[in-house]
Amino acid sequence: MSDKPDLIIRGGTVVDGSGESMVEADVAVTNGRITAVGQVSENGVEEIDARDRLVTPGFVDVHTHYDAQVTWANQITPSSCNGVTTVLMGNCGVGFAPVRPDHHDMLISLMEGVEDIPEVVMKAGLPWTWDSFPDYLDVLAGRQFDVDVATQVPHAALRIFVMGERGANREEATAEDRAEMARLAAEGIQAGAFGFSTSRLLQHRTAEGKPIPSYGAGEAELAEIADAVGKVGRGWIQVVGDYGDAIDQEFGLLTRLAKRSGRPMTLTLLQKSTFPEQWRDQLARIAAANAEGLKITGQIRGRPTSTLLGFELSQNPFLGCASWRDLAPLDIDARVAILRDPDFRTRLITEPGGTLAQTNRLRDWDRIFPFGDPPQYEPDLETSVGAEARRRGIDPAELAYDLMMEKDGRGILYHPTTNYADGDLAPVHEMLAHPNTLIGLGDGGAHVGIMCDATDMAHTLTYWTRDRTRGPKHPIEEMVRRLTSANAEAIGLEDRGRIAPGMRADINVVDYDALQLQTPEVLYDLPEGGKRILQRTKGFDATMVAGVPVWRHGEATGALPGRLLRSGD
């Protein structure tokens, strides 16, 4: 048996995830662990030449929705092909366990409405070989992946499991209901979940348009669950919610829950155009809570929340037009053949755009932009469809149509909706510098027809350390720390996120100068030929999980060293 290291990454510039200055070093790996960082004189069984390359820990994404995908897929894309080596699922209170056999459709409707995953995909793909949350974990434990996967117990699933239609209809939980939900939350974390998640966001609705079952859940219900999570002694509480004019009431509730649980809490933090300065208020409250001994973080995104619009995608500015209804069932080639007809173009452009809500959402011309190649996530307002149409003296609908007809009808428009109230990313720069924030909200596995924000982690590395021209940037060492060890430590994973002896060998080898997000493409590779947007990043020479290369130069190696992670192991 050879005494050689299994792998040596030779001569790279190591950005070790600690935030300390980068250094040139070799990295030796044996049995999935880093054994040496420095000058390694011996040879490895395999070696990777990393001269002129960055060597970073694999990214840890704490906000994904792969709860369905992990039951049928082994490659957890788009995260795994973009430098991510660990994903946390079960966010926003939605998931597929626990579940009763007659509640499958309820959870599918919930995930379809909240996370934009097509019903037909889930009905065909989900095997439903579990009932309890521990059963679900056991099913995942028998599977192999190209990343490590971790879970949370979702509040909406708990409500439906315990209360049935009463839970789905958001009725007040009885004492017995509360006790059972608390017991099941604790059971899930004891079985290996990394926390409990809930949504208090009115925007989160089922496919039928009803608010998510956890919306408006009473403090007594949440308090009992928080107490149960606290008694287990591990895991965090993840919350997405509305604040608006009720910020005093809502934040007071959340801080009380954090205090009584004694567990970390993470809250979605975005700049909303309706309350463009409230994110500062939220951050100030979070900082004050931490100063009092609580552990609360604001979970942020490194770019705007956005919708991608196009004739091949799930949404476009003509979605509400009567003539579009005939095109909607067609495949893209048949659609494009009709869209090329000048008479049809004229008719579609001149038709009413649908309801007021559709018009406001899909025809916000001064906030809709050509996406560009490479994509531009901080466009100047003067480059919007509305601004350019005024310069040309034409209807913006006409310009939008023509832009989407580029690339054989596969052109994409970009509509930033949060973090862009002032037309730039200055608020995000401040959020990224705050000590009580975490980079998350990429939503990998969700919103498959309208966005691909799972690439936000790769974008953070390129844009905030190298490419930004509209304002200040951040040091590369700090951004790598935030993408790796900061997130790993936040969810209780102490064995990863650093390039250091003894740590798990989840590693990226990066051609930093060439690192570039690509234009999204549409694939039809979900169950039943379901459609999804996939975006890749060029410049990842290698991504390793437990020392095993899973992606090299944008191609999957076929290796599947990733497994289910259980808290407490």
Protein backbone atom coordinates (compact mmCIF):
# COMPACT_ATOMS: atom_id res chain seq x y z
CA MET A 1 0.00 0.00 0.00
CA SER A 2 1.44 3.38 -1.02
CA ASP A 3 2.38 5.97 1.59
CA LYS A 4 2.00 8.69 -1.02
CA PRO A 5 -0.75 11.28 -0.58
CA ASP A 6 -3.75 10.46 -2.74
CA LEU A 7 -3.60 13.93 -4.30
CA ILE A 8 -1.31 16.92 -4.31
CA ILE A 9 -2.50 20.27 -5.65
CA ARG A 10 0.82 21.75 -6.61
CA GLY A 11 1.95 25.37 -6.52
CA GLY A 12 -1.41 27.14 -6.29
CA THR A 13 -2.28 30.42 -4.61
CA VAL A 14 -4.19 29.27 -1.56
CA VAL A 15 -7.07 31.43 -0.35
CA ASP A 16 -7.73 29.30 2.70
CA GLY A 17 -11.20 30.49 3.78
CA SER A 18 -9.99 32.12 7.00
CA GLY A 19 -9.91 35.64 5.59
CA GLU A 20 -6.12 35.76 5.98
CA SER A 21 -3.86 36.77 3.09
CA MET A 22 -3.45 34.31 0.24
CA VAL A 23 -0.19 32.32 0.04
CA GLU A 24 1.50 30.13 -2.53
CA ALA A 25 1.48 26.53 -1.31
CA ASP A 26 1.00 22.89 -2.14
CA VAL A 27 -2.03 21.08 -0.70
CA ALA A 28 -1.81 17.36 0.08
CA VAL A 29 -4.90 15.17 0.46
CA THR A 30 -5.28 11.61 1.78
CA ASN A 31 -8.49 9.71 2.55
CA GLY A 32 -10.63 12.75 1.81
CA ARG A 33 -8.81 15.02 4.28
CA ILE A 34 -6.22 17.73 3.84
CA THR A 35 -2.98 16.48 5.35
CA ALA A 36 -0.55 19.29 4.55
CA VAL A 37 -0.51 22.88 3.32
CA GLY A 38 2.89 24.31 2.42
CA GLN A 39 5.83 22.88 0.54
CA VAL A 40 5.18 19.18 -0.02
CA SER A 41 8.30 17.38 -1.23
CA GLU A 42 6.82 13.93 -1.83
CA ASN A 43 4.85 12.96 -4.90
CA GLY A 44 1.15 12.23 -4.90
CA VAL A 45 -0.68 9.34 -6.50
CA GLU A 46 -2.38 12.08 -8.52
CA GLU A 47 -1.22 15.66 -8.93
CA ILE A 48 -2.91 18.81 -10.17
CA ASP A 49 -0.75 21.64 -11.46
CA ALA A 50 -2.28 24.75 -9.87
CA ARG A 51 0.36 27.29 -10.82
CA ASP A 52 -1.36 30.60 -11.70
CA ARG A 53 -4.54 29.25 -10.13
CA LEU A 54 -6.44 29.99 -6.94
CA VAL A 55 -7.06 27.12 -4.55
CA THR A 56 -10.10 27.74 -2.35
CA PRO A 57 -12.39 25.67 -0.18
CA GLY A 58 -15.54 24.44 -1.88
CA PHE A 59 -18.47 26.83 -1.44
CA VAL A 60 -21.12 26.10 1.19
CA ASP A 61 -24.61 27.16 0.06
CA VAL A 62 -26.98 27.52 3.01
CA HIS A 63 -30.13 28.34 1.04
CA THR A 64 -31.24 25.81 -1.57
CA HIS A 65 -34.39 23.89 -2.50
CA TYR A 66 -33.06 20.60 -3.84
CA ASP A 67 -35.49 18.63 -1.62
CA ALA A 68 -37.09 16.98 -4.67
CA GLN A 69 -34.09 16.87 -7.00
CA VAL A 70 -31.98 14.85 -4.55
CA THR A 71 -34.53 12.03 -4.71
CA TRP A 72 -34.02 11.46 -8.44
CA ALA A 73 -30.70 13.07 -9.41
CA ASN A 74 -27.10 12.41 -8.47
CA GLN A 75 -25.62 15.57 -9.95
CA ILE A 76 -26.95 18.49 -7.94
CA THR A 77 -26.68 21.12 -10.63
CA PRO A 78 -26.56 24.05 -11.04
CA SER A 79 -24.78 24.25 -7.67
CA SER A 80 -22.21 21.51 -8.16
CA CYS A 81 -21.01 22.79 -11.54
CA ASN A 82 -20.47 26.24 -10.03
CA GLY A 83 -18.03 25.49 -7.23
CA VAL A 84 -20.49 24.48 -4.50
CA THR A 85 -19.62 21.33 -2.53
CA THR A 86 -22.19 21.46 0.32
CA VAL A 87 -25.86 22.46 0.07
CA LEU A 88 -28.49 23.03 2.77
CA MET A 89 -32.07 22.29 1.64
CA GLY A 90 -35.48 22.65 3.27
CA ASN A 91 -35.51 26.44 3.44
CA CYS A 92 -38.55 28.72 3.64
CA GLY A 93 -40.68 26.18 5.47
CA VAL A 94 -41.26 23.98 2.40
CA GLY A 95 -40.23 20.40 1.76
CA PHE A 96 -41.54 16.88 1.38
CA ALA A 97 -41.34 15.37 4.85
CA PRO A 98 -42.99 14.48 7.07
CA VAL A 99 -45.91 13.54 4.84
CA ARG A 100 -48.98 11.34 4.92
CA PRO A 101 -49.87 9.33 1.80
CA ASP A 102 -52.98 11.42 1.16
CA HIS A 103 -51.08 14.73 1.47
CA HIS A 104 -48.65 14.31 -1.43
CA ASP A 105 -50.59 16.67 -3.68
CA MET A 106 -50.71 19.34 -0.97
CA LEU A 107 -46.92 19.43 -0.67
CA ILE A 108 -46.49 19.40 -4.44
CA SER A 109 -48.89 22.35 -4.78
CA LEU A 110 -46.98 24.15 -2.07
CA MET A 111 -43.60 23.65 -3.72
CA GLU A 112 -45.00 24.50 -7.15
CA GLY A 113 -46.44 27.77 -5.90
CA VAL A 114 -43.65 28.89 -3.58
CA GLU A 115 -40.61 27.64 -5.48
CA ASP A 116 -41.80 27.44 -9.11
CA ILE A 117 -41.08 23.74 -9.64
CA PRO A 118 -43.55 22.29 -12.17
CA GLU A 119 -46.19 19.92 -10.77
CA VAL A 120 -45.63 17.34 -13.52
CA VAL A 121 -41.92 17.16 -12.66
CA MET A 122 -42.57 16.42 -8.99
CA LYS A 123 -45.42 13.99 -9.65
CA ALA A 124 -43.20 11.98 -11.99
CA GLY A 125 -39.95 12.32 -10.06
CA LEU A 126 -40.75 12.00 -6.36
CA PRO A 127 -40.74 8.34 -5.23
CA TRP A 128 -42.54 9.05 -1.91
CA THR A 129 -40.79 6.15 -0.18
CA TRP A 130 -41.02 7.84 3.22
CA ASP A 131 -43.52 9.13 5.73
CA SER A 132 -41.60 10.61 8.67
CA PHE A 133 -38.72 13.05 8.45
CA PRO A 134 -36.25 10.40 9.72
CA ASP A 135 -37.55 8.11 6.94
CA TYR A 136 -36.81 10.83 4.37
CA LEU A 137 -33.26 11.14 5.72
CA ASP A 138 -32.79 7.39 5.52
CA VAL A 139 -33.83 7.46 1.86
CA LEU A 140 -31.30 10.20 1.12
CA ALA A 141 -28.62 8.37 3.12
CA GLY A 142 -28.85 5.56 0.59
CA ARG A 143 -28.11 7.86 -2.34
CA GLN A 144 -24.91 9.30 -3.82
CA PHE A 145 -24.30 12.84 -5.03
CA ASP A 146 -21.63 15.13 -6.42
CA VAL A 147 -22.06 17.40 -3.37
CA ASP A 148 -22.84 16.82 0.30
CA VAL A 149 -26.47 17.56 1.16
CA ALA A 150 -27.96 18.73 4.45
CA THR A 151 -31.60 19.27 5.42
CA GLN A 152 -33.95 21.30 7.60
CA VAL A 153 -37.39 20.47 9.01
CA PRO A 154 -39.98 22.57 7.09
CA HIS A 155 -42.79 24.22 9.06
CA ALA A 156 -45.43 24.04 6.31
CA ALA A 157 -44.96 20.28 5.96
CA LEU A 158 -45.27 19.89 9.74
CA ARG A 159 -48.55 21.85 9.76
CA ILE A 160 -50.06 19.76 6.99
CA PHE A 161 -48.84 16.49 8.52
CA VAL A 162 -50.30 17.30 11.95
CA MET A 163 -53.37 19.37 11.02
CA GLY A 164 -54.26 18.31 7.47
CA GLU A 165 -56.64 20.73 5.77
CA ARG A 166 -56.80 22.83 8.93
CA GLY A 167 -53.06 23.40 8.66
CA ALA A 168 -53.22 24.13 4.95
CA ASN A 169 -56.02 26.65 5.62
CA ARG A 170 -53.90 28.36 8.29
CA GLU A 171 -56.27 27.66 11.17
CA GLU A 172 -54.93 28.26 14.64
CA ALA A 173 -53.15 25.24 16.07
CA THR A 174 -54.60 23.60 19.17
CA ALA A 175 -52.47 22.72 22.19
CA GLU A 176 -52.28 19.15 20.90
CA ASP A 177 -51.28 20.37 17.42
CA ARG A 178 -48.53 22.56 18.86
CA ALA A 179 -47.13 19.80 21.01
CA GLU A 180 -47.02 17.36 18.09
CA MET A 181 -45.34 19.86 15.74
CA ALA A 182 -42.75 20.60 18.39
CA ARG A 183 -42.12 16.88 18.92
CA LEU A 184 -41.71 16.27 15.20
CA ALA A 185 -39.37 19.24 14.75
CA ALA A 186 -37.16 17.90 17.52
CA GLU A 187 -37.36 14.38 16.07
CA GLY A 188 -36.18 15.66 12.69
CA ILE A 189 -33.19 17.47 14.16
CA GLN A 190 -32.31 14.51 16.36
CA ALA A 191 -32.36 12.37 13.20
CA GLY A 192 -29.90 14.73 11.49
CA ALA A 193 -31.61 17.89 10.23
CA PHE A 194 -29.61 21.09 10.62
CA GLY A 195 -32.51 23.24 11.75
CA PHE A 196 -36.12 24.26 11.40
CA SER A 197 -37.39 26.62 8.69
CA THR A 198 -40.53 28.73 8.38
CA SER A 199 -42.01 31.31 6.03
CA ARG A 200 -44.00 34.34 7.13
CA LEU A 201 -43.98 35.85 3.64
CA LEU A 202 -47.35 36.62 2.03
CA GLN A 203 -45.76 36.31 -1.40
CA HIS A 204 -45.22 32.60 -0.70
CA ARG A 205 -48.40 30.94 -1.99
CA THR A 206 -49.55 27.55 -3.14
CA ALA A 207 -50.22 26.81 -6.81
CA GLU A 208 -53.87 27.66 -6.07
CA GLY A 209 -52.88 31.10 -4.77
CA LYS A 210 -53.42 30.45 -1.06
CA PRO A 211 -50.87 31.80 1.46
CA ILE A 212 -48.31 29.27 2.68
CA PRO A 213 -49.66 27.28 5.69
CA SER A 214 -47.07 28.81 8.03
CA TYR A 215 -48.02 32.39 7.14
CA GLY A 216 -49.28 34.16 10.24
CA ALA A 217 -48.66 31.18 12.54
CA GLY A 218 -49.16 32.29 16.14
CA GLU A 219 -46.40 32.93 18.63
CA ALA A 220 -47.54 30.06 20.86
CA GLU A 221 -47.01 27.60 18.00
CA LEU A 222 -43.61 28.96 17.06
CA ALA A 223 -42.56 29.22 20.71
CA GLU A 224 -43.20 25.54 21.39
CA ILE A 225 -41.24 24.56 18.31
CA ALA A 226 -38.41 26.92 19.30
CA ASP A 227 -38.35 25.39 22.79
CA ALA A 228 -38.14 21.89 21.29
CA VAL A 229 -35.28 22.88 18.95
CA GLY A 230 -33.50 24.46 21.90
CA LYS A 231 -33.79 21.29 23.97
CA VAL A 232 -32.14 19.25 21.20
CA GLY A 233 -29.25 21.71 21.41
CA ARG A 234 -28.28 21.92 17.76
CA GLY A 235 -29.59 23.39 14.53
CA TRP A 236 -30.72 26.88 13.64
CA ILE A 237 -34.05 28.54 12.87
CA GLN A 238 -34.39 29.93 9.35
CA VAL A 239 -37.07 32.56 8.67
CA VAL A 240 -38.26 34.48 5.64
CA GLY A 241 -40.89 37.09 6.33
CA ASP A 242 -42.64 40.37 5.71
CA TYR A 243 -41.90 43.43 7.81
CA GLY A 244 -43.18 46.64 6.25
CA ASP A 245 -45.05 48.75 8.79
CA ALA A 246 -45.13 45.81 11.24
CA ILE A 247 -41.38 45.59 11.76
CA ASP A 248 -41.55 46.30 15.50
CA GLN A 249 -44.09 43.54 16.07
CA GLU A 250 -42.44 41.02 13.73
CA PHE A 251 -38.88 41.56 14.83
CA GLY A 252 -39.95 41.47 18.46
CA LEU A 253 -41.51 38.05 17.87
CA LEU A 254 -38.41 36.71 16.16
CA THR A 255 -36.01 37.92 18.83
CA ARG A 256 -38.18 36.33 21.53
CA LEU A 257 -38.04 33.03 19.64
CA ALA A 258 -34.27 33.27 19.29
CA LYS A 259 -33.92 34.04 22.98
CA ARG A 260 -36.07 31.19 24.23
CA SER A 261 -34.56 28.62 21.83
CA GLY A 262 -30.97 29.61 22.52
CA ARG A 263 -30.23 28.63 18.92
CA PRO A 264 -28.90 30.73 16.03
CA MET A 265 -31.52 32.34 13.79
CA THR A 266 -31.09 33.53 10.20
CA LEU A 267 -33.46 36.00 8.53
CA THR A 268 -33.78 36.85 4.85
CA LEU A 269 -32.46 40.36 4.25
CA LEU A 270 -33.14 42.17 0.98
CA GLN A 271 -33.67 45.75 -0.13
CA LYS A 272 -37.30 46.04 -1.25
CA SER A 273 -38.37 48.90 -3.47
CA THR A 274 -41.51 49.46 -1.35
CA PHE A 275 -39.36 50.05 1.76
CA PRO A 276 -35.97 50.91 0.24
CA GLU A 277 -34.26 51.84 3.52
CA GLN A 278 -35.78 49.18 5.78
CA TRP A 279 -32.86 46.81 5.27
CA ARG A 280 -30.73 49.25 7.27
CA ASP A 281 -33.26 49.15 10.08
CA GLN A 282 -33.24 45.34 9.99
CA LEU A 283 -29.46 45.23 10.10
CA ALA A 284 -29.39 47.65 13.02
CA ARG A 285 -31.86 45.47 14.92
CA ILE A 286 -29.85 42.35 14.10
CA ALA A 287 -26.66 44.02 15.35
CA ALA A 288 -28.40 45.10 18.56
CA ALA A 289 -29.69 41.56 19.16
CA ASN A 290 -26.18 40.16 18.72
CA ALA A 291 -24.80 42.77 21.13
CA GLU A 292 -27.29 41.43 23.69
CA GLY A 293 -25.96 37.90 23.26
CA LEU A 294 -28.33 36.48 20.64
CA LYS A 295 -26.98 34.92 17.47
CA ILE A 296 -28.99 36.32 14.56
CA THR A 297 -27.78 36.77 11.00
CA GLY A 298 -29.26 38.47 7.98
CA GLN A 299 -29.11 36.15 4.98
CA ILE A 300 -28.29 38.15 1.86
CA ARG A 301 -27.77 37.68 -1.85
CA GLY A 302 -24.73 39.09 -3.63
CA ARG A 303 -26.82 40.50 -6.48
CA PRO A 304 -30.49 41.40 -7.08
CA THR A 305 -33.30 38.94 -6.87
CA SER A 306 -34.30 38.84 -10.50
CA THR A 307 -36.60 37.35 -13.08
CA LEU A 308 -35.33 36.24 -16.48
CA LEU A 309 -37.79 36.87 -19.31
CA GLY A 310 -37.80 35.16 -22.70
CA PHE A 311 -39.89 33.30 -25.24
CA GLU A 312 -38.41 29.96 -24.11
CA LEU A 313 -38.69 30.76 -20.39
CA SER A 314 -41.68 30.58 -18.04
CA GLN A 315 -42.35 34.32 -18.23
CA ASN A 316 -42.14 37.08 -20.83
CA PRO A 317 -43.73 40.52 -21.23
CA PHE A 318 -46.48 39.09 -23.48
CA LEU A 319 -47.60 36.38 -21.07
CA GLY A 320 -50.95 38.11 -20.48
CA CYS A 321 -51.74 38.72 -24.14
CA ALA A 322 -54.58 36.77 -25.73
CA SER A 323 -52.46 35.75 -28.72
CA TRP A 324 -49.80 34.26 -26.47
CA ARG A 325 -52.21 31.60 -25.21
CA ASP A 326 -52.00 29.80 -28.56
CA LEU A 327 -48.20 29.73 -28.34
CA ALA A 328 -47.88 28.67 -24.71
CA PRO A 329 -48.42 24.91 -25.30
CA LEU A 330 -45.95 24.77 -28.22
CA ASP A 331 -42.30 23.77 -28.07
CA ILE A 332 -39.76 26.52 -28.65
CA ASP A 333 -39.13 25.75 -32.32
CA ALA A 334 -42.84 25.89 -33.14
CA ARG A 335 -43.20 29.08 -31.12
CA VAL A 336 -40.32 30.77 -32.89
CA ALA A 337 -41.72 29.86 -36.32
CA ILE A 338 -44.91 31.77 -35.46
CA LEU A 339 -43.07 34.59 -33.69
CA ARG A 340 -41.10 35.26 -36.89
CA ASP A 341 -44.31 36.10 -38.73
CA PRO A 342 -44.43 39.94 -39.08
CA ASP A 343 -48.23 40.01 -38.81
CA PHE A 344 -48.15 37.99 -35.59
CA ARG A 345 -45.42 40.28 -34.23
CA THR A 346 -47.59 43.33 -34.86
CA ARG A 347 -50.63 41.71 -33.25
CA LEU A 348 -48.77 40.59 -30.12
CA ILE A 349 -47.02 43.93 -29.62
CA THR A 350 -50.27 45.90 -29.89
CA GLU A 351 -52.40 43.65 -27.68
CA PRO A 352 -53.10 44.59 -24.02
CA GLY A 353 -50.52 43.09 -21.68
CA GLY A 354 -52.96 41.34 -19.37
CA THR A 355 -53.98 42.27 -15.84
CA LEU A 356 -52.56 45.30 -14.07
CA ALA A 357 -50.49 42.99 -11.88
CA GLN A 358 -49.05 41.23 -14.94
CA THR A 359 -48.31 44.54 -16.62
CA ASN A 360 -46.57 45.94 -13.54
CA ARG A 361 -44.54 42.76 -13.12
CA LEU A 362 -43.65 41.96 -16.72
CA ARG A 363 -43.62 45.39 -18.40
CA ASP A 364 -41.64 47.47 -15.95
CA TRP A 365 -39.70 48.73 -18.95
CA ASP A 366 -37.39 51.09 -17.10
CA ARG A 367 -36.26 48.18 -14.90
CA ILE A 368 -35.97 45.52 -17.61
CA PHE A 369 -32.63 45.14 -19.38
CA PRO A 370 -30.95 43.12 -22.13
CA PHE A 371 -29.11 40.43 -20.17
CA GLY A 372 -25.87 40.61 -22.11
CA ASP A 373 -23.17 38.04 -22.79
CA PRO A 374 -21.52 37.75 -20.34
CA PRO A 375 -24.52 38.57 -18.13
CA GLN A 376 -24.57 41.96 -16.41
CA TYR A 377 -26.23 41.99 -12.97
CA GLU A 378 -25.66 45.68 -12.22
CA PRO A 379 -26.83 47.41 -15.40
CA ASP A 380 -27.10 51.17 -15.68
CA LEU A 381 -30.70 52.40 -15.77
CA GLU A 382 -29.91 54.18 -19.04
CA THR A 383 -29.48 50.77 -20.69
CA SER A 384 -33.02 49.62 -19.83
CA VAL A 385 -35.52 48.60 -22.49
CA GLY A 386 -37.56 51.68 -21.67
CA ALA A 387 -34.63 54.09 -21.96
CA GLU A 388 -33.40 52.56 -25.21
CA ALA A 389 -36.91 52.55 -26.71
CA ARG A 390 -37.25 56.27 -25.96
CA ARG A 391 -33.93 56.94 -27.66
CA ARG A 392 -35.15 55.04 -30.73
CA GLY A 393 -38.63 56.54 -30.61
CA ILE A 394 -40.36 53.14 -30.58
CA ASP A 395 -42.71 51.19 -28.33
CA PRO A 396 -40.68 49.36 -25.63
CA ALA A 397 -42.79 46.25 -26.26
CA GLU A 398 -41.45 46.26 -29.83
CA LEU A 399 -37.85 46.44 -28.61
CA ALA A 400 -38.44 43.73 -25.99
CA TYR A 401 -39.90 41.45 -28.66
CA ASP A 402 -36.90 41.92 -30.95
CA LEU A 403 -34.37 41.39 -28.14
CA MET A 404 -36.05 38.14 -27.12
CA MET A 405 -36.05 37.01 -30.77
CA GLU A 406 -32.25 37.17 -30.86
CA LYS A 407 -30.38 33.84 -30.78
CA ASP A 408 -33.21 32.08 -32.64
CA GLY A 409 -35.84 33.23 -30.20
CA ARG A 410 -33.77 32.46 -27.13
CA GLY A 411 -32.75 36.00 -26.18
CA ILE A 412 -33.11 36.84 -22.48
CA LEU A 413 -34.19 39.99 -20.66
CA TYR A 414 -33.21 40.70 -17.06
CA HIS A 415 -35.60 42.17 -14.47
CA PRO A 416 -34.01 42.89 -11.06
CA THR A 417 -36.70 43.10 -8.37
CA THR A 418 -34.88 43.48 -5.02
CA ASN A 419 -31.56 45.04 -4.01
CA TYR A 420 -31.94 47.51 -6.91
CA ALA A 421 -34.22 50.32 -5.72
CA ASP A 422 -31.65 52.96 -6.66
CA GLY A 423 -30.46 51.28 -9.83
CA ASP A 424 -27.18 50.01 -8.40
CA LEU A 425 -25.79 47.48 -5.91
CA ALA A 426 -24.51 49.93 -3.31
CA PRO A 427 -26.80 48.38 -0.63
CA VAL A 428 -25.38 44.93 -1.37
CA HIS A 429 -21.84 46.25 -0.96
CA GLU A 430 -22.79 47.40 2.55
CA MET A 431 -24.57 44.14 3.36
CA LEU A 432 -21.50 42.16 2.31
CA ALA A 433 -19.35 44.20 4.69
CA HIS A 434 -21.60 43.69 7.73
CA PRO A 435 -20.39 41.23 10.38
CA ASN A 436 -23.89 39.82 10.98
CA THR A 437 -24.72 38.71 7.43
CA LEU A 438 -24.36 35.45 5.52
CA ILE A 439 -24.33 34.97 1.75
CA GLY A 440 -27.27 32.74 0.78
CA LEU A 441 -30.63 32.98 -1.00
CA GLY A 442 -29.40 31.36 -4.22
CA ASP A 443 -32.46 29.06 -4.24
CA GLY A 444 -30.73 26.27 -6.16
CA GLY A 445 -33.30 23.74 -7.35
CA ALA A 446 -36.16 26.26 -7.31
CA HIS A 447 -37.64 28.86 -9.69
CA VAL A 448 -36.38 26.66 -12.47
CA GLY A 449 -38.08 28.50 -15.33
CA ILE A 450 -37.42 32.12 -14.33
CA MET A 451 -34.01 32.37 -12.66
CA CYS A 452 -30.74 30.62 -11.88
CA ASP A 453 -29.42 32.43 -8.82
CA ALA A 454 -27.53 29.36 -7.60
CA THR A 455 -24.61 30.96 -9.50
CA ASP A 456 -24.61 33.89 -7.08
CA MET A 457 -21.68 32.38 -5.18
CA ALA A 458 -19.50 32.22 -8.30
CA HIS A 459 -20.73 35.69 -9.25
CA THR A 460 -19.71 37.02 -5.83
CA LEU A 461 -16.18 35.78 -6.41
CA THR A 462 -15.89 37.37 -9.84
CA TYR A 463 -17.90 40.55 -9.49
CA TRP A 464 -17.22 41.74 -5.96
CA THR A 465 -13.48 41.08 -6.05
CA ARG A 466 -12.56 41.77 -9.70
CA ASP A 467 -15.15 43.08 -12.15
CA ARG A 468 -17.24 45.77 -10.49
CA THR A 469 -16.77 49.26 -11.98
CA ARG A 470 -19.79 51.12 -10.57
CA GLY A 471 -18.49 51.30 -7.01
CA PRO A 472 -16.04 49.75 -4.54
CA LYS A 473 -15.21 46.06 -4.38
CA HIS A 474 -14.25 43.69 -1.55
CA PRO A 475 -11.00 41.78 -0.84
CA ILE A 476 -10.93 38.34 -2.38
CA GLU A 477 -9.87 36.73 0.90
CA GLU A 478 -12.96 38.07 2.66
CA MET A 479 -15.37 37.00 -0.06
CA VAL A 480 -13.91 33.49 -0.09
CA ARG A 481 -14.28 33.34 3.70
CA ARG A 482 -17.92 34.30 3.38
CA LEU A 483 -18.59 31.67 0.72
CA THR A 484 -16.90 28.91 2.68
CA SER A 485 -16.01 28.87 6.39
CA ALA A 486 -18.51 31.55 7.43
CA ASN A 487 -21.43 29.55 6.06
CA ALA A 488 -20.07 26.20 7.25
CA GLU A 489 -19.63 27.47 10.80
CA ALA A 490 -23.07 29.11 10.79
CA ILE A 491 -24.81 25.75 10.32
CA GLY A 492 -22.49 23.82 12.60
CA LEU A 493 -20.18 22.19 10.07
CA GLU A 494 -16.74 22.49 11.58
CA ASP A 495 -14.97 20.04 9.28
CA ARG A 496 -15.06 22.08 6.06
CA GLY A 497 -14.72 25.57 4.64
CA ARG A 498 -10.96 25.87 5.24
CA ILE A 499 -7.81 24.79 3.44
CA ALA A 500 -6.01 23.50 6.52
CA PRO A 501 -4.66 20.16 7.78
CA GLY A 502 -7.40 17.93 9.13
CA MET A 503 -10.19 19.62 7.20
CA ARG A 504 -12.34 17.85 4.66
CA ALA A 505 -10.83 18.16 1.19
CA ASP A 506 -13.69 20.04 -0.48
CA ILE A 507 -11.63 22.21 -2.81
CA ASN A 508 -11.92 24.41 -5.90
CA VAL A 509 -9.02 25.02 -8.28
CA VAL A 510 -9.90 28.25 -10.05
CA ASP A 511 -8.52 30.03 -13.11
CA TYR A 512 -9.40 33.38 -11.56
CA ASP A 513 -8.49 35.50 -14.57
CA ALA A 514 -10.76 33.41 -16.81
CA LEU A 515 -13.58 32.92 -14.29
CA GLN A 516 -16.76 34.09 -15.98
CA LEU A 517 -20.47 33.34 -15.70
CA GLN A 518 -21.97 32.13 -18.96
CA THR A 519 -25.32 33.02 -20.50
CA PRO A 520 -28.04 30.74 -19.10
CA GLU A 521 -29.34 27.91 -21.26
CA VAL A 522 -32.61 25.99 -21.12
CA LEU A 523 -32.46 22.24 -20.59
CA TYR A 524 -35.31 19.72 -20.71
CA ASP A 525 -33.72 17.16 -18.40
CA LEU A 526 -36.13 17.11 -15.44
CA PRO A 527 -38.56 14.19 -15.05
CA GLU A 528 -41.16 14.08 -17.85
CA GLY A 529 -38.90 16.36 -19.91
CA GLY A 530 -39.43 19.25 -17.51
CA LYS A 531 -37.72 22.53 -18.35
CA ARG A 532 -35.14 24.33 -16.26
CA ILE A 533 -32.59 27.10 -16.63
CA LEU A 534 -28.98 26.05 -16.20
CA GLN A 535 -26.13 28.52 -15.95
CA ARG A 536 -22.48 27.54 -15.87
CA THR A 537 -19.28 29.34 -14.93
CA LYS A 538 -16.17 28.98 -17.05
CA GLY A 539 -12.90 28.93 -15.12
CA PHE A 540 -13.35 26.19 -12.52
CA ASP A 541 -10.46 23.88 -13.40
CA ALA A 542 -11.53 21.36 -10.77
CA THR A 543 -14.06 20.98 -7.98
CA MET A 544 -13.35 18.25 -5.42
CA VAL A 545 -15.58 16.69 -2.80
CA ALA A 546 -13.67 14.73 -0.14
CA GLY A 547 -10.60 14.96 -2.36
CA VAL A 548 -12.35 13.41 -5.37
CA PRO A 549 -12.69 15.56 -8.50
CA VAL A 550 -16.39 15.76 -9.41
CA TRP A 551 -16.13 18.51 -12.06
CA ARG A 552 -13.17 19.34 -14.29
CA HIS A 553 -13.15 22.21 -16.78
CA GLY A 554 -16.94 22.33 -16.84
CA GLU A 555 -17.45 18.59 -17.35
CA ALA A 556 -18.72 16.14 -14.75
CA THR A 557 -16.25 13.36 -13.96
CA GLY A 558 -19.01 10.95 -12.96
CA ALA A 559 -17.62 10.57 -9.43
CA LEU A 560 -20.24 10.75 -6.67
CA PRO A 561 -18.47 11.08 -3.30
CA GLY A 562 -21.17 13.32 -1.80
CA ARG A 563 -23.51 12.02 0.88
CA LEU A 564 -26.28 13.08 3.23
CA LEU A 565 -24.90 15.00 6.21
CA ARG A 566 -26.52 14.52 9.61
CA SER A 567 -26.22 17.12 12.34
CA GLY A 568 -24.54 15.78 15.43
CA ASP A 569 -22.32 13.30 13.54
